[in-house]
Amino acid sequence: MTQQKPICQLCGTDQNITFHHLIPRTCHKNKWFRKNFSREDMRTRGVDVCRRCHSFIHQQHSEKHLGRELNTLEKILADEQLKPFIEWAKKHR
């Protein structure tokens, strides 16, 4: 069985795919995150995104905000700052 090429879970492209940690690695030692998430969850919770979407996410929000408020794919897709870019990126893959 052939493994499918990963695609960006935001815009759908298959170019330059990276792993976005939904709990940023810089937050893993923070007391609030250690209290609210298991070590395994912090390490593995993430989504495949293209480099362009990944960069935009990190330009718009701080690491702590991403980890506390945008820690699921659904929350990222619903974020008012990210929605217009995601829609644009879908059209310009």
PDB file of N, CA and C in Angstrom:
ATOM      1  N   MET A   1       0.843  -1.181   0.000  1.00  0.00           N
ATOM      2  CA  MET A   1       0.000   0.000   0.000  1.00  0.00           C
ATOM      3  C   MET A   1       0.887   1.243   0.000  1.00  0.00           C
ATOM      4  N   THR A   2       0.582   2.187  -0.862  1.00  0.00           N
ATOM      5  CA  THR A   2       1.363   3.404  -0.987  1.00  0.00           C
ATOM      6  C   THR A   2       0.894   4.443   0.018  1.00  0.00           C
ATOM      7  N   GLN A   3       1.868   5.086   0.650  1.00  0.00           N
ATOM      8  CA  GLN A   3       1.510   6.126   1.606  1.00  0.00           C
ATOM      9  C   GLN A   3       1.200   7.415   0.843  1.00  0.00           C
ATOM     10  N   GLN A   4       0.099   8.060   1.206  1.00  0.00           N
ATOM     11  CA  GLN A   4      -0.283   9.300   0.539  1.00  0.00           C
ATOM     12  C   GLN A   4       0.652  10.424   0.938  1.00  0.00           C
ATOM     13  N   LYS A   5       0.901  11.324   0.000  1.00  0.00           N
ATOM     14  CA  LYS A   5       1.712  12.503   0.272  1.00  0.00           C
ATOM     15  C   LYS A   5       0.913  13.415   1.204  1.00  0.00           C
ATOM     16  N   PRO A   6       1.538  13.915   2.273  1.00  0.00           N
ATOM     17  CA  PRO A   6       0.784  14.785   3.179  1.00  0.00           C
ATOM     18  C   PRO A   6       0.383  16.092   2.497  1.00  0.00           C
ATOM     19  N   ILE A   7      -0.737  16.633   2.924  1.00  0.00           N
ATOM     20  CA  ILE A   7      -1.185  17.921   2.400  1.00  0.00           C
ATOM     21  C   ILE A   7      -1.396  18.894   3.556  1.00  0.00           C
ATOM     22  N   CYS A   8      -1.366  20.170   3.236  1.00  0.00           N
ATOM     23  CA  CYS A   8      -1.609  21.207   4.238  1.00  0.00           C
ATOM     24  C   CYS A   8      -3.057  21.108   4.687  1.00  0.00           C
ATOM     25  N   GLN A   9      -3.253  21.014   5.984  1.00  0.00           N
ATOM     26  CA  GLN A   9      -4.606  20.883   6.527  1.00  0.00           C
ATOM     27  C   GLN A   9      -5.349  22.216   6.549  1.00  0.00           C
ATOM     28  N   LEU A  10      -4.670  23.274   6.118  1.00  0.00           N
ATOM     29  CA  LEU A  10      -5.323  24.575   6.039  1.00  0.00           C
ATOM     30  C   LEU A  10      -5.688  24.936   4.606  1.00  0.00           C
ATOM     31  N   CYS A  11      -4.710  24.885   3.693  1.00  0.00           N
ATOM     32  CA  CYS A  11      -4.985  25.335   2.324  1.00  0.00           C
ATOM     33  C   CYS A  11      -5.076  24.202   1.301  1.00  0.00           C
ATOM     34  N   GLY A  12      -4.598  23.008   1.645  1.00  0.00           N
ATOM     35  CA  GLY A  12      -4.732  21.869   0.756  1.00  0.00           C
ATOM     36  C   GLY A  12      -3.561  21.590  -0.174  1.00  0.00           C
ATOM     37  N   THR A  13      -2.528  22.419  -0.168  1.00  0.00           N
ATOM     38  CA  THR A  13      -1.384  22.171  -1.039  1.00  0.00           C
ATOM     39  C   THR A  13      -0.574  20.975  -0.533  1.00  0.00           C
ATOM     40  N   ASP A  14       0.224  20.395  -1.433  1.00  0.00           N
ATOM     41  CA  ASP A  14       1.113  19.307  -1.005  1.00  0.00           C
ATOM     42  C   ASP A  14       2.577  19.750  -1.067  1.00  0.00           C
ATOM     43  N   GLN A  15       2.812  21.055  -1.153  1.00  0.00           N
ATOM     44  CA  GLN A  15       4.160  21.608  -1.265  1.00  0.00           C
ATOM     45  C   GLN A  15       4.703  22.056   0.095  1.00  0.00           C
ATOM     46  N   ASN A  16       5.965  21.714   0.364  1.00  0.00           N
ATOM     47  CA  ASN A  16       6.682  22.195   1.553  1.00  0.00           C
ATOM     48  C   ASN A  16       5.912  21.965   2.858  1.00  0.00           C
ATOM     49  N   ILE A  17       5.501  20.730   3.102  1.00  0.00           N
ATOM     50  CA  ILE A  17       4.703  20.406   4.287  1.00  0.00           C
ATOM     51  C   ILE A  17       5.600  20.316   5.522  1.00  0.00           C
ATOM     52  N   THR A  18       5.154  20.945   6.601  1.00  0.00           N
ATOM     53  CA  THR A  18       5.848  20.926   7.885  1.00  0.00           C
ATOM     54  C   THR A  18       4.849  20.511   8.966  1.00  0.00           C
ATOM     55  N   PHE A  19       5.363  20.194  10.154  1.00  0.00           N
ATOM     56  CA  PHE A  19       4.506  19.819  11.275  1.00  0.00           C
ATOM     57  C   PHE A  19       4.385  21.017  12.208  1.00  0.00           C
ATOM     58  N   HIS A  20       3.168  21.481  12.405  1.00  0.00           N
ATOM     59  CA  HIS A  20       2.919  22.592  13.330  1.00  0.00           C
ATOM     60  C   HIS A  20       2.496  22.009  14.671  1.00  0.00           C
ATOM     61  N   HIS A  21       3.314  22.224  15.705  1.00  0.00           N
ATOM     62  CA  HIS A  21       2.959  21.791  17.056  1.00  0.00           C
ATOM     63  C   HIS A  21       1.848  22.698  17.572  1.00  0.00           C
ATOM     64  N   LEU A  22       0.718  22.122  17.923  1.00  0.00           N
ATOM     65  CA  LEU A  22      -0.392  22.918  18.438  1.00  0.00           C
ATOM     66  C   LEU A  22      -0.087  23.447  19.836  1.00  0.00           C
ATOM     67  N   ILE A  23       0.792  22.769  20.551  1.00  0.00           N
ATOM     68  CA  ILE A  23       1.351  23.309  21.790  1.00  0.00           C
ATOM     69  C   ILE A  23       2.820  23.586  21.454  1.00  0.00           C
ATOM     70  N   PRO A  24       3.180  24.855  21.181  1.00  0.00           N
ATOM     71  CA  PRO A  24       4.552  25.155  20.755  1.00  0.00           C
ATOM     72  C   PRO A  24       5.601  24.597  21.714  1.00  0.00           C
ATOM     73  N   ARG A  25       6.692  24.115  21.140  1.00  0.00           N
ATOM     74  CA  ARG A  25       7.746  23.500  21.949  1.00  0.00           C
ATOM     75  C   ARG A  25       8.303  24.453  22.996  1.00  0.00           C
ATOM     76  N   THR A  26       8.292  25.756  22.708  1.00  0.00           N
ATOM     77  CA  THR A  26       8.798  26.724  23.684  1.00  0.00           C
ATOM     78  C   THR A  26       7.930  26.778  24.942  1.00  0.00           C
ATOM     79  N   CYS A  27       6.729  26.235  24.890  1.00  0.00           N
ATOM     80  CA  CYS A  27       5.808  26.257  26.031  1.00  0.00           C
ATOM     81  C   CYS A  27       5.839  24.963  26.843  1.00  0.00           C
ATOM     82  N   HIS A  28       6.527  23.949  26.374  1.00  0.00           N
ATOM     83  CA  HIS A  28       6.458  22.637  27.011  1.00  0.00           C
ATOM     84  C   HIS A  28       6.942  22.618  28.464  1.00  0.00           C
ATOM     85  N   LYS A  29       7.833  23.514  28.850  1.00  0.00           N
ATOM     86  CA  LYS A  29       8.321  23.537  30.235  1.00  0.00           C
ATOM     87  C   LYS A  29       7.532  24.492  31.118  1.00  0.00           C
ATOM     88  N   ASN A  30       6.636  25.251  30.528  1.00  0.00           N
ATOM     89  CA  ASN A  30       5.828  26.211  31.269  1.00  0.00           C
ATOM     90  C   ASN A  30       4.853  25.477  32.191  1.00  0.00           C
ATOM     91  N   LYS A  31       4.752  25.967  33.408  1.00  0.00           N
ATOM     92  CA  LYS A  31       3.927  25.319  34.440  1.00  0.00           C
ATOM     93  C   LYS A  31       2.459  25.181  34.010  1.00  0.00           C
ATOM     94  N   TRP A  32       1.875  26.228  33.416  1.00  0.00           N
ATOM     95  CA  TRP A  32       0.469  26.168  33.001  1.00  0.00           C
ATOM     96  C   TRP A  32       0.247  25.049  31.992  1.00  0.00           C
ATOM     97  N   PHE A  33       1.138  24.922  31.019  1.00  0.00           N
ATOM     98  CA  PHE A  33       0.988  23.890  29.993  1.00  0.00           C
ATOM     99  C   PHE A  33       1.200  22.498  30.584  1.00  0.00           C
ATOM    100  N   ARG A  34       2.178  22.348  31.479  1.00  0.00           N
ATOM    101  CA  ARG A  34       2.427  21.040  32.095  1.00  0.00           C
ATOM    102  C   ARG A  34       1.241  20.610  32.952  1.00  0.00           C
ATOM    103  N   LYS A  35       0.546  21.574  33.525  1.00  0.00           N
ATOM    104  CA  LYS A  35      -0.632  21.263  34.345  1.00  0.00           C
ATOM    105  C   LYS A  35      -1.824  20.857  33.474  1.00  0.00           C
ATOM    106  N   ASN A  36      -1.943  21.434  32.271  1.00  0.00           N
ATOM    107  CA  ASN A  36      -3.124  21.248  31.432  1.00  0.00           C
ATOM    108  C   ASN A  36      -2.980  20.222  30.314  1.00  0.00           C
ATOM    109  N   PHE A  37      -1.747  19.800  30.007  1.00  0.00           N
ATOM    110  CA  PHE A  37      -1.520  18.850  28.919  1.00  0.00           C
ATOM    111  C   PHE A  37      -0.471  17.836  29.347  1.00  0.00           C
ATOM    112  N   SER A  38      -0.643  16.606  28.914  1.00  0.00           N
ATOM    113  CA  SER A  38       0.379  15.601  29.199  1.00  0.00           C
ATOM    114  C   SER A  38       1.597  15.862  28.325  1.00  0.00           C
ATOM    115  N   ARG A  39       2.735  15.353  28.741  1.00  0.00           N
ATOM    116  CA  ARG A  39       3.963  15.507  27.964  1.00  0.00           C
ATOM    117  C   ARG A  39       3.776  14.920  26.558  1.00  0.00           C
ATOM    118  N   GLU A  40       3.144  13.740  26.497  1.00  0.00           N
ATOM    119  CA  GLU A  40       2.899  13.077  25.210  1.00  0.00           C
ATOM    120  C   GLU A  40       1.982  13.924  24.321  1.00  0.00           C
ATOM    121  N   ASP A  41       0.937  14.481  24.896  1.00  0.00           N
ATOM    122  CA  ASP A  41       0.013  15.320  24.136  1.00  0.00           C
ATOM    123  C   ASP A  41       0.734  16.545  23.581  1.00  0.00           C
ATOM    124  N   MET A  42       1.559  17.175  24.390  1.00  0.00           N
ATOM    125  CA  MET A  42       2.287  18.353  23.924  1.00  0.00           C
ATOM    126  C   MET A  42       3.223  18.002  22.773  1.00  0.00           C
ATOM    127  N   ARG A  43       3.860  16.837  22.858  1.00  0.00           N
ATOM    128  CA  ARG A  43       4.809  16.429  21.809  1.00  0.00           C
ATOM    129  C   ARG A  43       4.131  16.038  20.508  1.00  0.00           C
ATOM    130  N   THR A  44       2.968  15.418  20.605  1.00  0.00           N
ATOM    131  CA  THR A  44       2.363  14.833  19.407  1.00  0.00           C
ATOM    132  C   THR A  44       1.180  15.622  18.834  1.00  0.00           C
ATOM    133  N   ARG A  45       0.609  16.522  19.601  1.00  0.00           N
ATOM    134  CA  ARG A  45      -0.557  17.275  19.112  1.00  0.00           C
ATOM    135  C   ARG A  45      -0.078  18.266  18.056  1.00  0.00           C
ATOM    136  N   GLY A  46      -0.527  18.055  16.835  1.00  0.00           N
ATOM    137  CA  GLY A  46      -0.105  18.954  15.769  1.00  0.00           C
ATOM    138  C   GLY A  46      -0.827  18.672  14.474  1.00  0.00           C
ATOM    139  N   VAL A  47      -0.550  19.507  13.486  1.00  0.00           N
ATOM    140  CA  VAL A  47      -1.169  19.386  12.175  1.00  0.00           C
ATOM    141  C   VAL A  47      -0.110  19.589  11.099  1.00  0.00           C
ATOM    142  N   ASP A  48      -0.333  18.959   9.951  1.00  0.00           N
ATOM    143  CA  ASP A  48       0.529  19.173   8.796  1.00  0.00           C
ATOM    144  C   ASP A  48       0.076  20.441   8.090  1.00  0.00           C
ATOM    145  N   VAL A  49       1.008  21.361   7.923  1.00  0.00           N
ATOM    146  CA  VAL A  49       0.720  22.609   7.213  1.00  0.00           C
ATOM    147  C   VAL A  49       1.880  22.937   6.281  1.00  0.00           C
ATOM    148  N   CYS A  50       1.604  23.705   5.253  1.00  0.00           N
ATOM    149  CA  CYS A  50       2.674  24.109   4.350  1.00  0.00           C
ATOM    150  C   CYS A  50       3.498  25.209   5.017  1.00  0.00           C
ATOM    151  N   ARG A  51       4.683  25.423   4.512  1.00  0.00           N
ATOM    152  CA  ARG A  51       5.575  26.429   5.079  1.00  0.00           C
ATOM    153  C   ARG A  51       4.916  27.812   5.082  1.00  0.00           C
ATOM    154  N   ARG A  52       4.185  28.160   4.019  1.00  0.00           N
ATOM    155  CA  ARG A  52       3.558  29.479   3.927  1.00  0.00           C
ATOM    156  C   ARG A  52       2.514  29.666   5.033  1.00  0.00           C
ATOM    157  N   CYS A  53       1.634  28.684   5.219  1.00  0.00           N
ATOM    158  CA  CYS A  53       0.621  28.774   6.281  1.00  0.00           C
ATOM    159  C   CYS A  53       1.274  28.754   7.661  1.00  0.00           C
ATOM    160  N   HIS A  54       2.290  27.915   7.827  1.00  0.00           N
ATOM    161  CA  HIS A  54       2.985  27.799   9.108  1.00  0.00           C
ATOM    162  C   HIS A  54       3.592  29.145   9.501  1.00  0.00           C
ATOM    163  N   SER A  55       4.278  29.771   8.566  1.00  0.00           N
ATOM    164  CA  SER A  55       4.889  31.074   8.842  1.00  0.00           C
ATOM    165  C   SER A  55       3.833  32.111   9.199  1.00  0.00           C
ATOM    166  N   PHE A  56       2.725  32.116   8.477  1.00  0.00           N
ATOM    167  CA  PHE A  56       1.685  33.099   8.743  1.00  0.00           C
ATOM    168  C   PHE A  56       1.089  32.928  10.143  1.00  0.00           C
ATOM    169  N   ILE A  57       0.843  31.699  10.539  1.00  0.00           N
ATOM    170  CA  ILE A  57       0.312  31.427  11.884  1.00  0.00           C
ATOM    171  C   ILE A  57       1.216  32.058  12.942  1.00  0.00           C
ATOM    172  N   HIS A  58       2.522  31.819  12.812  1.00  0.00           N
ATOM    173  CA  HIS A  58       3.463  32.319  13.819  1.00  0.00           C
ATOM    174  C   HIS A  58       3.679  33.830  13.733  1.00  0.00           C
ATOM    175  N   GLN A  59       3.412  34.429  12.587  1.00  0.00           N
ATOM    176  CA  GLN A  59       3.508  35.888  12.477  1.00  0.00           C
ATOM    177  C   GLN A  59       2.332  36.574  13.169  1.00  0.00           C
ATOM    178  N   GLN A  60       1.197  35.908  13.217  1.00  0.00           N
ATOM    179  CA  GLN A  60      -0.024  36.525  13.734  1.00  0.00           C
ATOM    180  C   GLN A  60      -0.203  36.398  15.249  1.00  0.00           C
ATOM    181  N   HIS A  61       0.355  35.357  15.842  1.00  0.00           N
ATOM    182  CA  HIS A  61       0.088  35.087  17.263  1.00  0.00           C
ATOM    183  C   HIS A  61       1.355  34.683  18.003  1.00  0.00           C
ATOM    184  N   SER A  62       1.386  35.012  19.299  1.00  0.00           N
ATOM    185  CA  SER A  62       2.510  34.597  20.142  1.00  0.00           C
ATOM    186  C   SER A  62       2.431  33.091  20.389  1.00  0.00           C
ATOM    187  N   GLU A  63       3.550  32.521  20.796  1.00  0.00           N
ATOM    188  CA  GLU A  63       3.593  31.086  21.084  1.00  0.00           C
ATOM    189  C   GLU A  63       2.604  30.727  22.206  1.00  0.00           C
ATOM    190  N   LYS A  64       2.572  31.526  23.259  1.00  0.00           N
ATOM    191  CA  LYS A  64       1.650  31.234  24.368  1.00  0.00           C
ATOM    192  C   LYS A  64       0.197  31.308  23.919  1.00  0.00           C
ATOM    193  N   HIS A  65      -0.135  32.298  23.085  1.00  0.00           N
ATOM    194  CA  HIS A  65      -1.512  32.403  22.595  1.00  0.00           C
ATOM    195  C   HIS A  65      -1.864  31.186  21.742  1.00  0.00           C
ATOM    196  N   LEU A  66      -0.942  30.774  20.894  1.00  0.00           N
ATOM    197  CA  LEU A  66      -1.188  29.592  20.066  1.00  0.00           C
ATOM    198  C   LEU A  66      -1.465  28.375  20.941  1.00  0.00           C
ATOM    199  N   GLY A  67      -0.641  28.159  21.957  1.00  0.00           N
ATOM    200  CA  GLY A  67      -0.788  26.994  22.820  1.00  0.00           C
ATOM    201  C   GLY A  67      -2.031  27.026  23.687  1.00  0.00           C
ATOM    202  N   ARG A  68      -2.383  28.209  24.167  1.00  0.00           N
ATOM    203  CA  ARG A  68      -3.540  28.319  25.060  1.00  0.00           C
ATOM    204  C   ARG A  68      -4.865  28.427  24.317  1.00  0.00           C
ATOM    205  N   GLU A  69      -4.883  29.159  23.218  1.00  0.00           N
ATOM    206  CA  GLU A  69      -6.145  29.479  22.556  1.00  0.00           C
ATOM    207  C   GLU A  69      -6.364  28.779  21.213  1.00  0.00           C
ATOM    208  N   LEU A  70      -5.281  28.438  20.510  1.00  0.00           N
ATOM    209  CA  LEU A  70      -5.426  27.863  19.170  1.00  0.00           C
ATOM    210  C   LEU A  70      -4.778  26.482  19.112  1.00  0.00           C
ATOM    211  N   ASN A  71      -5.161  25.622  20.049  1.00  0.00           N
ATOM    212  CA  ASN A  71      -4.497  24.322  20.189  1.00  0.00           C
ATOM    213  C   ASN A  71      -5.245  23.154  19.548  1.00  0.00           C
ATOM    214  N   THR A  72      -6.162  23.475  18.620  1.00  0.00           N
ATOM    215  CA  THR A  72      -6.805  22.434  17.799  1.00  0.00           C
ATOM    216  C   THR A  72      -6.908  22.975  16.371  1.00  0.00           C
ATOM    217  N   LEU A  73      -7.031  22.085  15.422  1.00  0.00           N
ATOM    218  CA  LEU A  73      -7.206  22.496  14.035  1.00  0.00           C
ATOM    219  C   LEU A  73      -8.473  23.334  13.886  1.00  0.00           C
ATOM    220  N   GLU A  74      -9.538  22.951  14.554  1.00  0.00           N
ATOM    221  CA  GLU A  74     -10.806  23.671  14.466  1.00  0.00           C
ATOM    222  C   GLU A  74     -10.661  25.115  14.946  1.00  0.00           C
ATOM    223  N   LYS A  75      -9.912  25.312  16.023  1.00  0.00           N
ATOM    224  CA  LYS A  75      -9.717  26.672  16.550  1.00  0.00           C
ATOM    225  C   LYS A  75      -8.873  27.514  15.602  1.00  0.00           C
ATOM    226  N   ILE A  76      -7.893  26.907  14.966  1.00  0.00           N
ATOM    227  CA  ILE A  76      -7.082  27.643  13.980  1.00  0.00           C
ATOM    228  C   ILE A  76      -7.964  28.056  12.808  1.00  0.00           C
ATOM    229  N   LEU A  77      -8.758  27.127  12.298  1.00  0.00           N
ATOM    230  CA  LEU A  77      -9.615  27.428  11.148  1.00  0.00           C
ATOM    231  C   LEU A  77     -10.664  28.493  11.468  1.00  0.00           C
ATOM    232  N   ALA A  78     -11.058  28.610  12.730  1.00  0.00           N
ATOM    233  CA  ALA A  78     -12.089  29.569  13.130  1.00  0.00           C
ATOM    234  C   ALA A  78     -11.510  30.927  13.534  1.00  0.00           C
ATOM    235  N   ASP A  79     -10.196  31.027  13.668  1.00  0.00           N
ATOM    236  CA  ASP A  79      -9.571  32.269  14.138  1.00  0.00           C
ATOM    237  C   ASP A  79      -9.776  33.400  13.125  1.00  0.00           C
ATOM    238  N   GLU A  80     -10.290  34.529  13.609  1.00  0.00           N
ATOM    239  CA  GLU A  80     -10.626  35.654  12.728  1.00  0.00           C
ATOM    240  C   GLU A  80      -9.403  36.254  12.041  1.00  0.00           C
ATOM    241  N   GLN A  81      -8.238  36.200  12.670  1.00  0.00           N
ATOM    242  CA  GLN A  81      -7.019  36.734  12.042  1.00  0.00           C
ATOM    243  C   GLN A  81      -6.487  35.801  10.962  1.00  0.00           C
ATOM    244  N   LEU A  82      -6.734  34.516  11.099  1.00  0.00           N
ATOM    245  CA  LEU A  82      -6.183  33.543  10.169  1.00  0.00           C
ATOM    246  C   LEU A  82      -7.125  33.215   9.012  1.00  0.00           C
ATOM    247  N   LYS A  83      -8.433  33.319   9.239  1.00  0.00           N
ATOM    248  CA  LYS A  83      -9.422  32.921   8.222  1.00  0.00           C
ATOM    249  C   LYS A  83      -9.204  33.573   6.857  1.00  0.00           C
ATOM    250  N   PRO A  84      -9.023  34.901   6.787  1.00  0.00           N
ATOM    251  CA  PRO A  84      -8.856  35.512   5.450  1.00  0.00           C
ATOM    252  C   PRO A  84      -7.621  34.973   4.713  1.00  0.00           C
ATOM    253  N   PHE A  85      -6.533  34.773   5.442  1.00  0.00           N
ATOM    254  CA  PHE A  85      -5.326  34.245   4.804  1.00  0.00           C
ATOM    255  C   PHE A  85      -5.551  32.821   4.312  1.00  0.00           C
ATOM    256  N   ILE A  86      -6.193  32.002   5.120  1.00  0.00           N
ATOM    257  CA  ILE A  86      -6.440  30.608   4.734  1.00  0.00           C
ATOM    258  C   ILE A  86      -7.288  30.561   3.468  1.00  0.00           C
ATOM    259  N   GLU A  87      -8.323  31.392   3.400  1.00  0.00           N
ATOM    260  CA  GLU A  87      -9.160  31.438   2.204  1.00  0.00           C
ATOM    261  C   GLU A  87      -8.344  31.872   0.988  1.00  0.00           C
ATOM    262  N   TRP A  88      -7.490  32.871   1.170  1.00  0.00           N
ATOM    263  CA  TRP A  88      -6.629  33.329   0.078  1.00  0.00           C
ATOM    264  C   TRP A  88      -5.684  32.206  -0.351  1.00  0.00           C
ATOM    265  N   ALA A  89      -5.077  31.528   0.632  1.00  0.00           N
ATOM    266  CA  ALA A  89      -4.099  30.465   0.341  1.00  0.00           C
ATOM    267  C   ALA A  89      -4.750  29.301  -0.413  1.00  0.00           C
ATOM    268  N   LYS A  90      -5.992  29.002  -0.112  1.00  0.00           N
ATOM    269  CA  LYS A  90      -6.704  27.923  -0.809  1.00  0.00           C
ATOM    270  C   LYS A  90      -6.827  28.224  -2.303  1.00  0.00           C
ATOM    271  N   LYS A  91      -6.977  29.499  -2.636  1.00  0.00           N
ATOM    272  CA  LYS A  91      -7.139  29.908  -4.030  1.00  0.00           C
ATOM    273  C   LYS A  91      -5.791  30.023  -4.757  1.00  0.00           C
ATOM    274  N   HIS A  92      -4.712  30.153  -4.000  1.00  0.00           N
ATOM    275  CA  HIS A  92      -3.375  30.391  -4.579  1.00  0.00           C
ATOM    276  C   HIS A  92      -2.396  29.297  -4.195  1.00  0.00           C
ATOM    277  N   ARG A  93      -2.810  28.035  -4.338  1.00  0.00           N
ATOM    278  CA  ARG A  93      -1.945  26.906  -3.975  1.00  0.00           C
ATOM    279  C   ARG A  93      -0.813  26.774  -4.926  1.00  0.00           C
TER     280      ARG A  93
END
